[in-house]
Amino acid sequence: MLKFRPRSVEEMRGRLKKKGFSSDIIKDTISFLKEKEFLDDRNFASGWVENRLKRPFGLRRIKQELKAKGIDKELIEQQLQQTSQNYFEQKIVEKLARDKWARLKNIDPRKAKTRIYGYLARRGFSPDAIIDILNHL
């Protein structure tokens, strides 16, 4: 599993449990992997945020994904706070909205705006940022 991408501790625990390993073996394996620094939730969260921002996804979606991966709430907040200092959501939303708008030019404008709103909301951008941009289109 670790060969393909880094994993969170909770992901590894769940996967081992699914494979039918006993709780003692899981516990020993997790502590061994942590000791050898193959599992580290802080590095995992940092890498996950960096990777997802390249896609680009909004901070809301990234936060949701990290929660699903079993990352501690406090660690998520730290990572997102660090990231938000150099994160310009408005510019990203504007670029994505304009690109999508150009592809939907043959559709009724209200319908196109609804589709763009849904697209951006699913990507995890804040409703306020989306609505501001859509009002300018």
Protein backbone atom coordinates (compact mmCIF):
# COMPACT_ATOMS: atom_id res chain seq x y z
CA MET A 1 0.00 0.00 0.00
CA LEU A 2 2.74 2.43 0.90
CA LYS A 3 4.44 1.70 -2.40
CA PHE A 4 1.74 3.57 -4.34
CA ARG A 5 1.20 6.61 -2.11
CA PRO A 6 1.58 7.70 1.51
CA ARG A 7 -1.21 6.59 3.83
CA SER A 8 -2.67 7.88 7.05
CA VAL A 9 -2.50 5.76 10.18
CA GLU A 10 -6.26 5.27 10.11
CA GLU A 11 -6.22 4.19 6.45
CA MET A 12 -3.57 1.58 7.22
CA ARG A 13 -5.41 0.38 10.31
CA GLY A 14 -8.66 0.01 8.37
CA ARG A 15 -6.98 -1.81 5.51
CA LEU A 16 -5.25 -4.28 7.83
CA LYS A 17 -8.50 -4.87 9.70
CA LYS A 18 -10.29 -5.49 6.40
CA LYS A 19 -7.65 -8.09 5.49
CA GLY A 20 -8.46 -9.96 8.70
CA PHE A 21 -5.40 -9.28 10.85
CA SER A 22 -5.79 -9.39 14.63
CA SER A 23 -5.79 -6.17 16.62
CA ASP A 24 -2.42 -7.07 18.21
CA ILE A 25 -0.76 -7.52 14.83
CA ILE A 26 -2.33 -4.29 13.57
CA LYS A 27 -1.11 -2.40 16.61
CA ASP A 28 2.43 -3.79 16.29
CA THR A 29 2.51 -3.10 12.55
CA ILE A 30 1.30 0.48 12.97
CA SER A 31 3.86 1.21 15.70
CA PHE A 32 6.66 -0.35 13.59
CA LEU A 33 5.68 1.73 10.55
CA LYS A 34 5.50 4.90 12.66
CA GLU A 35 8.89 4.14 14.20
CA LYS A 36 10.46 3.71 10.76
CA GLU A 37 8.63 6.88 9.61
CA PHE A 38 6.66 5.10 6.90
CA LEU A 39 3.48 6.37 8.55
CA ASP A 40 3.25 9.97 9.66
CA ASP A 41 -0.09 11.77 9.66
CA ARG A 42 1.55 15.21 9.62
CA ASN A 43 3.54 14.46 6.46
CA PHE A 44 0.55 12.69 4.94
CA ALA A 45 -1.73 15.69 5.54
CA SER A 46 0.85 18.13 4.18
CA GLY A 47 1.34 16.09 1.02
CA TRP A 48 -2.39 15.57 0.58
CA VAL A 49 -3.12 19.30 0.81
CA GLU A 50 -0.33 20.14 -1.62
CA ASN A 51 -1.50 17.51 -4.11
CA ARG A 52 -5.18 18.51 -3.95
CA LEU A 53 -4.43 22.20 -4.42
CA LYS A 54 -2.76 21.39 -7.73
CA ARG A 55 -6.01 19.90 -9.04
CA PRO A 56 -7.43 22.55 -7.92
CA PHE A 57 -9.81 21.81 -5.07
CA GLY A 58 -11.13 24.16 -2.41
CA LEU A 59 -10.12 24.05 1.22
CA ARG A 60 -13.56 22.81 2.26
CA ARG A 61 -13.23 19.67 0.17
CA ILE A 62 -9.65 19.07 1.28
CA LYS A 63 -10.74 19.35 4.89
CA GLN A 64 -13.54 16.85 4.30
CA GLU A 65 -11.18 14.40 2.60
CA LEU A 66 -8.63 14.60 5.41
CA LYS A 67 -11.38 13.91 7.96
CA ALA A 68 -12.39 10.86 5.94
CA LYS A 69 -8.76 9.68 6.00
CA GLY A 70 -8.80 9.77 9.79
CA ILE A 71 -6.53 12.77 10.31
CA ASP A 72 -6.86 14.56 13.64
CA LYS A 73 -9.03 17.69 13.55
CA GLU A 74 -6.33 19.87 15.09
CA LEU A 75 -3.75 18.70 12.55
CA ILE A 76 -6.18 19.44 9.70
CA GLU A 77 -6.74 22.96 11.00
CA GLN A 78 -2.99 23.57 11.28
CA GLN A 79 -2.36 22.39 7.72
CA LEU A 80 -5.22 24.43 6.29
CA GLN A 81 -4.22 27.52 8.23
CA GLN A 82 -0.67 27.29 6.85
CA THR A 83 -2.02 26.78 3.35
CA SER A 84 -4.58 29.57 3.49
CA GLN A 85 -1.82 32.18 3.82
CA ASN A 86 -0.75 31.62 0.21
CA TYR A 87 -4.11 30.52 -1.14
CA PHE A 88 -6.14 32.86 -3.32
CA GLU A 89 -9.52 31.19 -3.64
CA GLN A 90 -11.12 34.07 -5.53
CA LYS A 91 -8.59 33.87 -8.38
CA ILE A 92 -8.88 30.11 -8.65
CA VAL A 93 -12.68 30.20 -8.65
CA GLU A 94 -12.67 32.95 -11.25
CA LYS A 95 -10.39 31.01 -13.61
CA LEU A 96 -12.39 27.78 -13.26
CA ALA A 97 -15.70 29.61 -13.68
CA ARG A 98 -14.53 31.44 -16.80
CA ASP A 99 -13.20 28.23 -18.35
CA LYS A 100 -16.46 26.43 -17.63
CA TRP A 101 -18.50 29.42 -18.86
CA ALA A 102 -16.67 29.34 -22.18
CA ARG A 103 -17.57 25.66 -22.62
CA LEU A 104 -21.23 26.29 -21.77
CA LYS A 105 -21.71 29.31 -24.04
CA ASN A 106 -24.50 27.65 -26.08
CA ILE A 107 -26.66 27.02 -23.02
CA ASP A 108 -29.18 29.32 -21.33
CA PRO A 109 -27.13 31.62 -19.04
CA ARG A 110 -29.15 30.80 -15.91
CA LYS A 111 -28.76 27.08 -16.53
CA ALA A 112 -25.04 27.55 -17.21
CA LYS A 113 -24.60 29.47 -13.95
CA THR A 114 -26.38 26.72 -12.04
CA ARG A 115 -24.07 24.12 -13.55
CA ILE A 116 -20.99 26.20 -12.80
CA TYR A 117 -22.14 26.74 -9.21
CA GLY A 118 -22.60 22.99 -8.74
CA TYR A 119 -19.25 22.23 -10.32
CA LEU A 120 -17.39 24.68 -8.09
CA ALA A 121 -19.30 23.69 -4.96
CA ARG A 122 -18.43 20.02 -5.52
CA ARG A 123 -14.79 21.03 -5.80
CA GLY A 124 -15.03 22.53 -2.31
CA PHE A 125 -14.99 26.26 -2.91
CA SER A 126 -16.93 28.59 -0.61
CA PRO A 127 -20.43 29.61 -1.72
CA ASP A 128 -19.60 33.30 -1.22
CA ALA A 129 -16.65 33.15 -3.60
CA ILE A 130 -18.69 31.25 -6.18
CA ILE A 131 -21.64 33.65 -6.05
CA ASP A 132 -19.37 36.71 -6.34
CA ILE A 133 -17.80 35.35 -9.51
CA LEU A 134 -21.10 34.19 -11.00
CA ASN A 135 -22.59 37.65 -10.52
CA HIS A 136 -19.75 39.05 -12.66
CA LEU A 137 -20.20 36.54 -15.49
